[in-house]
Amino acid sequence: AALADLRQMAEADPAGAARALDRVRELREAVHELVTALLGAA
């Protein structure tokens, strides 16, 4: 139900949805960088 609500919000505000996606991507890349460091990969 929450995901259905989000879909409706995104359809009503595609620009806002695009910005929200960018924030998810930013979080994703920051977590990847941090986990990589914690694993000692570099």
PDB file of all heavy atoms in Angstrom:
ATOM      1  N   ALA A   1       0.830  -1.202   0.000  1.00  0.00           N
ATOM      2  CA  ALA A   1       0.000   0.000   0.000  1.00  0.00           C
ATOM      3  C   ALA A   1       0.866   1.254   0.000  1.00  0.00           C
ATOM      4  O   ALA A   1       0.548   2.247  -0.673  1.00  0.00           O
ATOM      5  CB  ALA A   1      -0.924   0.000   1.213  1.00  0.00           C
ATOM      6  N   ALA A   2       1.960   1.216   0.743  1.00  0.00           N
ATOM      7  CA  ALA A   2       2.878   2.358   0.770  1.00  0.00           C
ATOM      8  C   ALA A   2       3.504   2.570  -0.598  1.00  0.00           C
ATOM      9  O   ALA A   2       3.636   3.708  -1.072  1.00  0.00           O
ATOM     10  CB  ALA A   2       3.954   2.143   1.826  1.00  0.00           C
ATOM     11  N   LEU A   3       3.892   1.482  -1.250  1.00  0.00           N
ATOM     12  CA  LEU A   3       4.488   1.588  -2.581  1.00  0.00           C
ATOM     13  C   LEU A   3       3.475   2.101  -3.599  1.00  0.00           C
ATOM     14  O   LEU A   3       3.826   2.861  -4.507  1.00  0.00           O
ATOM     15  CB  LEU A   3       5.050   0.237  -3.017  1.00  0.00           C
ATOM     16  CG  LEU A   3       6.186  -0.325  -2.149  1.00  0.00           C
ATOM     17  CD1 LEU A   3       6.665  -1.669  -2.703  1.00  0.00           C
ATOM     18  CD2 LEU A   3       7.346   0.656  -2.063  1.00  0.00           C
ATOM     19  N   ALA A   4       2.222   1.703  -3.441  1.00  0.00           N
ATOM     20  CA  ALA A   4       1.166   2.205  -4.332  1.00  0.00           C
ATOM     21  C   ALA A   4       0.991   3.712  -4.139  1.00  0.00           C
ATOM     22  O   ALA A   4       0.803   4.457  -5.114  1.00  0.00           O
ATOM     23  CB  ALA A   4      -0.140   1.467  -4.070  1.00  0.00           C
ATOM     24  N   ASP A   5       1.044   4.171  -2.890  1.00  0.00           N
ATOM     25  CA  ASP A   5       0.950   5.603  -2.618  1.00  0.00           C
ATOM     26  C   ASP A   5       2.114   6.352  -3.263  1.00  0.00           C
ATOM     27  O   ASP A   5       1.934   7.440  -3.842  1.00  0.00           O
ATOM     28  CB  ASP A   5       0.950   5.863  -1.115  1.00  0.00           C
ATOM     29  CG  ASP A   5      -0.351   5.431  -0.443  1.00  0.00           C
ATOM     30  OD1 ASP A   5      -1.354   5.239  -1.156  1.00  0.00           O
ATOM     31  OD2 ASP A   5      -0.350   5.275   0.798  1.00  0.00           O
ATOM     32  N   LEU A   6       3.303   5.778  -3.166  1.00  0.00           N
ATOM     33  CA  LEU A   6       4.477   6.412  -3.768  1.00  0.00           C
ATOM     34  C   LEU A   6       4.344   6.500  -5.281  1.00  0.00           C
ATOM     35  O   LEU A   6       4.750   7.491  -5.904  1.00  0.00           O
ATOM     36  CB  LEU A   6       5.745   5.643  -3.392  1.00  0.00           C
ATOM     37  CG  LEU A   6       6.194   5.720  -1.935  1.00  0.00           C
ATOM     38  CD1 LEU A   6       7.386   4.802  -1.701  1.00  0.00           C
ATOM     39  CD2 LEU A   6       6.535   7.151  -1.544  1.00  0.00           C
ATOM     40  N   ARG A   7       3.785   5.456  -5.882  1.00  0.00           N
ATOM     41  CA  ARG A   7       3.609   5.462  -7.336  1.00  0.00           C
ATOM     42  C   ARG A   7       2.676   6.611  -7.751  1.00  0.00           C
ATOM     43  O   ARG A   7       2.945   7.315  -8.731  1.00  0.00           O
ATOM     44  CB  ARG A   7       3.052   4.123  -7.812  1.00  0.00           C
ATOM     45  CG  ARG A   7       3.012   3.982  -9.322  1.00  0.00           C
ATOM     46  CD  ARG A   7       2.596   2.580  -9.724  1.00  0.00           C
ATOM     47  NE  ARG A   7       3.536   1.584  -9.224  1.00  0.00           N
ATOM     48  CZ  ARG A   7       4.682   1.281  -9.820  1.00  0.00           C
ATOM     49  NH1 ARG A   7       5.038   1.911 -10.925  1.00  0.00           N
ATOM     50  NH2 ARG A   7       5.467   0.352  -9.305  1.00  0.00           N
ATOM     51  N   GLN A   8       1.610   6.803  -7.003  1.00  0.00           N
ATOM     52  CA  GLN A   8       0.687   7.895  -7.306  1.00  0.00           C
ATOM     53  C   GLN A   8       1.369   9.254  -7.127  1.00  0.00           C
ATOM     54  O   GLN A   8       1.195  10.173  -7.938  1.00  0.00           O
ATOM     55  CB  GLN A   8      -0.539   7.800  -6.412  1.00  0.00           C
ATOM     56  CG  GLN A   8      -1.464   6.627  -6.745  1.00  0.00           C
ATOM     57  CD  GLN A   8      -2.722   6.630  -5.892  1.00  0.00           C
ATOM     58  OE1 GLN A   8      -2.813   7.338  -4.891  1.00  0.00           O
ATOM     59  NE2 GLN A   8      -3.692   5.823  -6.287  1.00  0.00           N
ATOM     60  N   MET A   9       2.154   9.385  -6.060  1.00  0.00           N
ATOM     61  CA  MET A   9       2.873  10.635  -5.826  1.00  0.00           C
ATOM     62  C   MET A   9       3.855  10.919  -6.957  1.00  0.00           C
ATOM     63  O   MET A   9       3.994  12.064  -7.410  1.00  0.00           O
ATOM     64  CB  MET A   9       3.637  10.560  -4.498  1.00  0.00           C
ATOM     65  CG  MET A   9       2.775  10.533  -3.259  1.00  0.00           C
ATOM     66  SD  MET A   9       3.809  10.417  -1.759  1.00  0.00           S
ATOM     67  CE  MET A   9       2.547  10.192  -0.500  1.00  0.00           C
ATOM     68  N   ALA A  10       4.542   9.870  -7.403  1.00  0.00           N
ATOM     69  CA  ALA A  10       5.538  10.034  -8.468  1.00  0.00           C
ATOM     70  C   ALA A  10       4.878  10.442  -9.775  1.00  0.00           C
ATOM     71  O   ALA A  10       5.411  11.259 -10.532  1.00  0.00           O
ATOM     72  CB  ALA A  10       6.325   8.742  -8.651  1.00  0.00           C
ATOM     73  N   GLU A  11       3.715   9.874 -10.060  1.00  0.00           N
ATOM     74  CA  GLU A  11       2.997  10.238 -11.278  1.00  0.00           C
ATOM     75  C   GLU A  11       2.534  11.687 -11.232  1.00  0.00           C
ATOM     76  O   GLU A  11       2.517  12.378 -12.260  1.00  0.00           O
ATOM     77  CB  GLU A  11       1.807   9.298 -11.471  1.00  0.00           C
ATOM     78  CG  GLU A  11       2.220   7.868 -11.821  1.00  0.00           C
ATOM     79  CD  GLU A  11       1.045   6.896 -11.831  1.00  0.00           C
ATOM     80  OE1 GLU A  11      -0.065   7.313 -11.426  1.00  0.00           O
ATOM     81  OE2 GLU A  11       1.241   5.735 -12.236  1.00  0.00           O
ATOM     82  N   ALA A  12       2.187  12.150 -10.038  1.00  0.00           N
ATOM     83  CA  ALA A  12       1.736  13.528  -9.883  1.00  0.00           C
ATOM     84  C   ALA A  12       2.893  14.523  -9.860  1.00  0.00           C
ATOM     85  O   ALA A  12       2.712  15.706 -10.186  1.00  0.00           O
ATOM     86  CB  ALA A  12       0.914  13.665  -8.603  1.00  0.00           C
ATOM     87  N   ASP A  13       4.076  14.062  -9.479  1.00  0.00           N
ATOM     88  CA  ASP A  13       5.242  14.944  -9.346  1.00  0.00           C
ATOM     89  C   ASP A  13       6.493  14.239  -9.870  1.00  0.00           C
ATOM     90  O   ASP A  13       7.365  13.843  -9.103  1.00  0.00           O
ATOM     91  CB  ASP A  13       5.428  15.340  -7.874  1.00  0.00           C
ATOM     92  CG  ASP A  13       6.572  16.324  -7.657  1.00  0.00           C
ATOM     93  OD1 ASP A  13       7.110  16.849  -8.651  1.00  0.00           O
ATOM     94  OD2 ASP A  13       6.933  16.561  -6.476  1.00  0.00           O
ATOM     95  N   PRO A  14       6.603  14.085 -11.196  1.00  0.00           N
ATOM     96  CA  PRO A  14       7.759  13.365 -11.751  1.00  0.00           C
ATOM     97  C   PRO A  14       9.092  14.029 -11.440  1.00  0.00           C
ATOM     98  O   PRO A  14      10.102  13.345 -11.248  1.00  0.00           O
ATOM     99  CB  PRO A  14       7.473  13.341 -13.259  1.00  0.00           C
ATOM    100  CG  PRO A  14       6.432  14.384 -13.487  1.00  0.00           C
ATOM    101  CD  PRO A  14       5.637  14.478 -12.239  1.00  0.00           C
ATOM    102  N   ALA A  15       9.122  15.360 -11.381  1.00  0.00           N
ATOM    103  CA  ALA A  15      10.382  16.043 -11.059  1.00  0.00           C
ATOM    104  C   ALA A  15      10.804  15.741  -9.624  1.00  0.00           C
ATOM    105  O   ALA A  15      11.980  15.493  -9.343  1.00  0.00           O
ATOM    106  CB  ALA A  15      10.235  17.545 -11.273  1.00  0.00           C
ATOM    107  N   GLY A  16       9.832  15.742  -8.720  1.00  0.00           N
ATOM    108  CA  GLY A  16      10.136  15.404  -7.331  1.00  0.00           C
ATOM    109  C   GLY A  16      10.582  13.966  -7.193  1.00  0.00           C
ATOM    110  O   GLY A  16      11.481  13.652  -6.396  1.00  0.00           O
ATOM    111  N   ALA A  17       9.981  13.065  -7.974  1.00  0.00           N
ATOM    112  CA  ALA A  17      10.375  11.656  -7.946  1.00  0.00           C
ATOM    113  C   ALA A  17      11.803  11.492  -8.452  1.00  0.00           C
ATOM    114  O   ALA A  17      12.575  10.692  -7.912  1.00  0.00           O
ATOM    115  CB  ALA A  17       9.414  10.831  -8.794  1.00  0.00           C
ATOM    116  N   ALA A  18      12.168  12.253  -9.477  1.00  0.00           N
ATOM    117  CA  ALA A  18      13.532  12.171 -10.009  1.00  0.00           C
ATOM    118  C   ALA A  18      14.541  12.629  -8.963  1.00  0.00           C
ATOM    119  O   ALA A  18      15.619  12.030  -8.812  1.00  0.00           O
ATOM    120  CB  ALA A  18      13.648  13.024 -11.273  1.00  0.00           C
ATOM    121  N   ARG A  19      14.194  13.691  -8.228  1.00  0.00           N
ATOM    122  CA  ARG A  19      15.103  14.155  -7.173  1.00  0.00           C
ATOM    123  C   ARG A  19      15.205  13.125  -6.052  1.00  0.00           C
ATOM    124  O   ARG A  19      16.292  12.900  -5.493  1.00  0.00           O
ATOM    125  CB  ARG A  19      14.620  15.498  -6.625  1.00  0.00           C
ATOM    126  CG  ARG A  19      14.761  16.653  -7.608  1.00  0.00           C
ATOM    127  CD  ARG A  19      14.517  17.988  -6.920  1.00  0.00           C
ATOM    128  NE  ARG A  19      13.131  18.121  -6.460  1.00  0.00           N
ATOM    129  CZ  ARG A  19      12.146  18.632  -7.179  1.00  0.00           C
ATOM    130  NH1 ARG A  19      12.366  19.036  -8.424  1.00  0.00           N
ATOM    131  NH2 ARG A  19      10.926  18.746  -6.678  1.00  0.00           N
ATOM    132  N   ALA A  20      14.092  12.488  -5.723  1.00  0.00           N
ATOM    133  CA  ALA A  20      14.109  11.456  -4.682  1.00  0.00           C
ATOM    134  C   ALA A  20      14.974  10.274  -5.113  1.00  0.00           C
ATOM    135  O   ALA A  20      15.713   9.698  -4.297  1.00  0.00           O
ATOM    136  CB  ALA A  20      12.686  10.999  -4.376  1.00  0.00           C
ATOM    137  N   LEU A  21      14.893   9.903  -6.385  1.00  0.00           N
ATOM    138  CA  LEU A  21      15.737   8.821  -6.895  1.00  0.00           C
ATOM    139  C   LEU A  21      17.210   9.199  -6.802  1.00  0.00           C
ATOM    140  O   LEU A  21      18.055   8.370  -6.435  1.00  0.00           O
ATOM    141  CB  LEU A  21      15.362   8.503  -8.339  1.00  0.00           C
ATOM    142  CG  LEU A  21      16.263   7.481  -9.046  1.00  0.00           C
ATOM    143  CD1 LEU A  21      16.213   6.120  -8.343  1.00  0.00           C
ATOM    144  CD2 LEU A  21      15.849   7.333 -10.514  1.00  0.00           C
ATOM    145  N   ASP A  22      17.521  10.452  -7.120  1.00  0.00           N
ATOM    146  CA  ASP A  22      18.912  10.903  -7.020  1.00  0.00           C
ATOM    147  C   ASP A  22      19.426  10.752  -5.594  1.00  0.00           C
ATOM    148  O   ASP A  22      20.601  10.407  -5.371  1.00  0.00           O
ATOM    149  CB  ASP A  22      19.037  12.360  -7.465  1.00  0.00           C
ATOM    150  CG  ASP A  22      18.951  12.524  -8.976  1.00  0.00           C
ATOM    151  OD1 ASP A  22      19.138  11.519  -9.697  1.00  0.00           O
ATOM    152  OD2 ASP A  22      18.688  13.659  -9.425  1.00  0.00           O
ATOM    153  N   ARG A  23      18.568  11.007  -4.606  1.00  0.00           N
ATOM    154  CA  ARG A  23      19.002  10.872  -3.215  1.00  0.00           C
ATOM    155  C   ARG A  23      19.234   9.408  -2.849  1.00  0.00           C
ATOM    156  O   ARG A  23      20.155   9.089  -2.080  1.00  0.00           O
ATOM    157  CB  ARG A  23      17.987  11.538  -2.289  1.00  0.00           C
ATOM    158  CG  ARG A  23      18.054  13.060  -2.338  1.00  0.00           C
ATOM    159  CD  ARG A  23      17.158  13.723  -1.305  1.00  0.00           C
ATOM    160  NE  ARG A  23      15.762  13.771  -1.719  1.00  0.00           N
ATOM    161  CZ  ARG A  23      15.215  14.743  -2.456  1.00  0.00           C
ATOM    162  NH1 ARG A  23      15.972  15.731  -2.912  1.00  0.00           N
ATOM    163  NH2 ARG A  23      13.929  14.725  -2.745  1.00  0.00           N
ATOM    164  N   VAL A  24      18.423   8.513  -3.382  1.00  0.00           N
ATOM    165  CA  VAL A  24      18.658   7.083  -3.157  1.00  0.00           C
ATOM    166  C   VAL A  24      19.981   6.678  -3.785  1.00  0.00           C
ATOM    167  O   VAL A  24      20.772   5.933  -3.184  1.00  0.00           O
ATOM    168  CB  VAL A  24      17.503   6.237  -3.739  1.00  0.00           C
ATOM    169  CG1 VAL A  24      17.861   4.749  -3.714  1.00  0.00           C
ATOM    170  CG2 VAL A  24      16.224   6.475  -2.961  1.00  0.00           C
ATOM    171  N   ARG A  25      20.239   7.148  -4.974  1.00  0.00           N
ATOM    172  CA  ARG A  25      21.515   6.832  -5.641  1.00  0.00           C
ATOM    173  C   ARG A  25      22.699   7.368  -4.845  1.00  0.00           C
ATOM    174  O   ARG A  25      23.727   6.697  -4.712  1.00  0.00           O
ATOM    175  CB  ARG A  25      21.533   7.430  -7.048  1.00  0.00           C
ATOM    176  CG  ARG A  25      20.678   6.697  -8.074  1.00  0.00           C
ATOM    177  CD  ARG A  25      20.663   7.481  -9.352  1.00  0.00           C
ATOM    178  NE  ARG A  25      20.079   6.738 -10.465  1.00  0.00           N
ATOM    179  CZ  ARG A  25      19.559   7.318 -11.544  1.00  0.00           C
ATOM    180  NH1 ARG A  25      19.545   8.639 -11.633  1.00  0.00           N
ATOM    181  NH2 ARG A  25      19.056   6.589 -12.519  1.00  0.00           N
ATOM    182  N   GLU A  26      22.568   8.596  -4.340  1.00  0.00           N
ATOM    183  CA  GLU A  26      23.659   9.182  -3.558  1.00  0.00           C
ATOM    184  C   GLU A  26      23.931   8.344  -2.311  1.00  0.00           C
ATOM    185  O   GLU A  26      25.098   8.074  -1.970  1.00  0.00           O
ATOM    186  CB  GLU A  26      23.312  10.612  -3.166  1.00  0.00           C
ATOM    187  CG  GLU A  26      24.423  11.301  -2.382  1.00  0.00           C
ATOM    188  CD  GLU A  26      24.024  12.683  -1.907  1.00  0.00           C
ATOM    189  OE1 GLU A  26      23.101  12.759  -1.056  1.00  0.00           O
ATOM    190  OE2 GLU A  26      24.634  13.661  -2.375  1.00  0.00           O
ATOM    191  N   LEU A  27      22.863   7.933  -1.623  1.00  0.00           N
ATOM    192  CA  LEU A  27      23.023   7.069  -0.459  1.00  0.00           C
ATOM    193  C   LEU A  27      23.693   5.760  -0.854  1.00  0.00           C
ATOM    194  O   LEU A  27      24.617   5.293  -0.177  1.00  0.00           O
ATOM    195  CB  LEU A  27      21.657   6.791   0.169  1.00  0.00           C
ATOM    196  CG  LEU A  27      21.633   5.744   1.295  1.00  0.00           C
ATOM    197  CD1 LEU A  27      22.414   6.235   2.501  1.00  0.00           C
ATOM    198  CD2 LEU A  27      20.195   5.404   1.677  1.00  0.00           C
ATOM    199  N   ARG A  28      23.230   5.168  -1.936  1.00  0.00           N
ATOM    200  CA  ARG A  28      23.786   3.895  -2.410  1.00  0.00           C
ATOM    201  C   ARG A  28      25.285   3.996  -2.646  1.00  0.00           C
ATOM    202  O   ARG A  28      26.059   3.128  -2.192  1.00  0.00           O
ATOM    203  CB  ARG A  28      23.083   3.499  -3.710  1.00  0.00           C
ATOM    204  CG  ARG A  28      23.599   2.217  -4.358  1.00  0.00           C
ATOM    205  CD  ARG A  28      22.994   2.034  -5.748  1.00  0.00           C
ATOM    206  NE  ARG A  28      23.421   3.096  -6.655  1.00  0.00           N
ATOM    207  CZ  ARG A  28      22.895   3.290  -7.866  1.00  0.00           C
ATOM    208  NH1 ARG A  28      21.919   2.516  -8.310  1.00  0.00           N
ATOM    209  NH2 ARG A  28      23.345   4.278  -8.638  1.00  0.00           N
ATOM    210  N   GLU A  29      25.723   5.048  -3.322  1.00  0.00           N
ATOM    211  CA  GLU A  29      27.140   5.170  -3.642  1.00  0.00           C
ATOM    212  C   GLU A  29      27.973   5.480  -2.406  1.00  0.00           C
ATOM    213  O   GLU A  29      29.103   5.006  -2.278  1.00  0.00           O
ATOM    214  CB  GLU A  29      27.339   6.242  -4.714  1.00  0.00           C
ATOM    215  CG  GLU A  29      26.672   5.910  -6.043  1.00  0.00           C
ATOM    216  CD  GLU A  29      27.001   4.504  -6.518  1.00  0.00           C
ATOM    217  OE1 GLU A  29      28.199   4.203  -6.691  1.00  0.00           O
ATOM    218  OE2 GLU A  29      26.062   3.703  -6.689  1.00  0.00           O
ATOM    219  N   ALA A  30      27.423   6.257  -1.484  1.00  0.00           N
ATOM    220  CA  ALA A  30      28.148   6.548  -0.244  1.00  0.00           C
ATOM    221  C   ALA A  30      28.317   5.276   0.581  1.00  0.00           C
ATOM    222  O   ALA A  30      29.389   5.025   1.153  1.00  0.00           O
ATOM    223  CB  ALA A  30      27.412   7.617   0.561  1.00  0.00           C
ATOM    224  N   VAL A  31      27.265   4.451   0.649  1.00  0.00           N
ATOM    225  CA  VAL A  31      27.357   3.185   1.379  1.00  0.00           C
ATOM    226  C   VAL A  31      28.370   2.266   0.720  1.00  0.00           C
ATOM    227  O   VAL A  31      29.186   1.632   1.404  1.00  0.00           O
ATOM    228  CB  VAL A  31      25.977   2.501   1.468  1.00  0.00           C
ATOM    229  CG1 VAL A  31      26.120   1.076   1.992  1.00  0.00           C
ATOM    230  CG2 VAL A  31      25.046   3.300   2.356  1.00  0.00           C
ATOM    231  N   HIS A  32      28.350   2.206  -0.609  1.00  0.00           N
ATOM    232  CA  HIS A  32      29.321   1.354  -1.304  1.00  0.00           C
ATOM    233  C   HIS A  32      30.745   1.794  -0.988  1.00  0.00           C
ATOM    234  O   HIS A  32      31.618   0.967  -0.704  1.00  0.00           O
ATOM    235  CB  HIS A  32      29.083   1.407  -2.813  1.00  0.00           C
ATOM    236  CG  HIS A  32      30.100   0.629  -3.597  1.00  0.00           C
ATOM    237  ND1 HIS A  32      31.226   1.209  -4.153  1.00  0.00           N
ATOM    238  CD2 HIS A  32      30.176  -0.691  -3.889  1.00  0.00           C
ATOM    239  CE1 HIS A  32      31.935   0.284  -4.756  1.00  0.00           C
ATOM    240  NE2 HIS A  32      31.331  -0.881  -4.606  1.00  0.00           N
ATOM    241  N   GLU A  33      30.989   3.087  -1.026  1.00  0.00           N
ATOM    242  CA  GLU A  33      32.328   3.599  -0.746  1.00  0.00           C
ATOM    243  C   GLU A  33      32.748   3.286   0.686  1.00  0.00           C
ATOM    244  O   GLU A  33      33.897   2.899   0.948  1.00  0.00           O
ATOM    245  CB  GLU A  33      32.360   5.112  -0.993  1.00  0.00           C
ATOM    246  CG  GLU A  33      33.746   5.718  -0.889  1.00  0.00           C
ATOM    247  CD  GLU A  33      33.761   7.194  -1.234  1.00  0.00           C
ATOM    248  OE1 GLU A  33      32.744   7.704  -1.753  1.00  0.00           O
ATOM    249  OE2 GLU A  33      34.793   7.854  -0.965  1.00  0.00           O
ATOM    250  N   LEU A  34      31.809   3.432   1.596  1.00  0.00           N
ATOM    251  CA  LEU A  34      32.126   3.211   3.006  1.00  0.00           C
ATOM    252  C   LEU A  34      32.346   1.729   3.289  1.00  0.00           C
ATOM    253  O   LEU A  34      33.303   1.353   3.995  1.00  0.00           O
ATOM    254  CB  LEU A  34      30.992   3.760   3.864  1.00  0.00           C
ATOM    255  CG  LEU A  34      31.228   3.932   5.363  1.00  0.00           C
ATOM    256  CD1 LEU A  34      32.554   4.625   5.635  1.00  0.00           C
ATOM    257  CD2 LEU A  34      30.083   4.710   5.980  1.00  0.00           C
ATOM    258  N   VAL A  35      31.495   0.868   2.742  1.00  0.00           N
ATOM    259  CA  VAL A  35      31.673  -0.570   2.942  1.00  0.00           C
ATOM    260  C   VAL A  35      32.986  -1.033   2.324  1.00  0.00           C
ATOM    261  O   VAL A  35      33.718  -1.837   2.907  1.00  0.00           O
ATOM    262  CB  VAL A  35      30.487  -1.352   2.350  1.00  0.00           C
ATOM    263  CG1 VAL A  35      30.779  -2.844   2.320  1.00  0.00           C
ATOM    264  CG2 VAL A  35      29.217  -1.094   3.164  1.00  0.00           C
ATOM    265  N   THR A  36      33.302  -0.511   1.147  1.00  0.00           N
ATOM    266  CA  THR A  36      34.564  -0.863   0.495  1.00  0.00           C
ATOM    267  C   THR A  36      35.750  -0.519   1.386  1.00  0.00           C
ATOM    268  O   THR A  36      36.687  -1.304   1.532  1.00  0.00           O
ATOM    269  CB  THR A  36      34.687  -0.129  -0.846  1.00  0.00           C
ATOM    270  OG1 THR A  36      33.637  -0.545  -1.721  1.00  0.00           O
ATOM    271  CG2 THR A  36      36.023  -0.434  -1.513  1.00  0.00           C
ATOM    272  N   ALA A  37      35.692   0.654   1.993  1.00  0.00           N
ATOM    273  CA  ALA A  37      36.774   1.059   2.887  1.00  0.00           C
ATOM    274  C   ALA A  37      36.841   0.157   4.113  1.00  0.00           C
ATOM    275  O   ALA A  37      37.925  -0.258   4.539  1.00  0.00           O
ATOM    276  CB  ALA A  37      36.586   2.511   3.300  1.00  0.00           C
ATOM    277  N   LEU A  38      35.683  -0.147   4.687  1.00  0.00           N
ATOM    278  CA  LEU A  38      35.666  -0.975   5.883  1.00  0.00           C
ATOM    279  C   LEU A  38      36.155  -2.392   5.610  1.00  0.00           C
ATOM    280  O   LEU A  38      36.707  -3.052   6.483  1.00  0.00           O
ATOM    281  CB  LEU A  38      34.253  -1.009   6.473  1.00  0.00           C
ATOM    282  CG  LEU A  38      33.768   0.325   7.055  1.00  0.00           C
ATOM    283  CD1 LEU A  38      32.299   0.249   7.429  1.00  0.00           C
ATOM    284  CD2 LEU A  38      34.599   0.715   8.268  1.00  0.00           C
ATOM    285  N   LEU A  39      35.954  -2.853   4.392  1.00  0.00           N
ATOM    286  CA  LEU A  39      36.447  -4.178   4.038  1.00  0.00           C
ATOM    287  C   LEU A  39      37.941  -4.180   3.739  1.00  0.00           C
ATOM    288  O   LEU A  39      38.556  -5.230   3.584  1.00  0.00           O
ATOM    289  CB  LEU A  39      35.692  -4.707   2.808  1.00  0.00           C
ATOM    290  CG  LEU A  39      34.267  -5.184   3.061  1.00  0.00           C
ATOM    291  CD1 LEU A  39      33.594  -5.539   1.745  1.00  0.00           C
ATOM    292  CD2 LEU A  39      34.275  -6.390   3.976  1.00  0.00           C
ATOM    293  N   GLY A  40      38.517  -3.005   3.638  1.00  0.00           N
ATOM    294  CA  GLY A  40      39.946  -2.944   3.361  1.00  0.00           C
ATOM    295  C   GLY A  40      40.270  -3.231   1.914  1.00  0.00           C
ATOM    296  O   GLY A  40      41.385  -3.629   1.605  1.00  0.00           O
ATOM    297  N   ALA A  41      39.297  -3.017   1.000  1.00  0.00           N
ATOM    298  CA  ALA A  41      39.523  -3.341  -0.407  1.00  0.00           C
ATOM    299  C   ALA A  41      40.614  -2.477  -1.029  1.00  0.00           C
ATOM    300  O   ALA A  41      41.293  -2.911  -1.956  1.00  0.00           O
ATOM    301  CB  ALA A  41      38.220  -3.175  -1.191  1.00  0.00           C
ATOM    302  N   ALA A  42      40.757  -1.258  -0.541  1.00  0.00           N
ATOM    303  CA  ALA A  42      41.763  -0.380  -1.117  1.00  0.00           C
ATOM    304  C   ALA A  42      42.951  -0.191  -0.175  1.00  0.00           C
ATOM    305  O   ALA A  42      43.700   0.767  -0.304  1.00  0.00           O
ATOM    306  CB  ALA A  42      41.144   0.974  -1.441  1.00  0.00           C
TER     307      ALA A  42
END
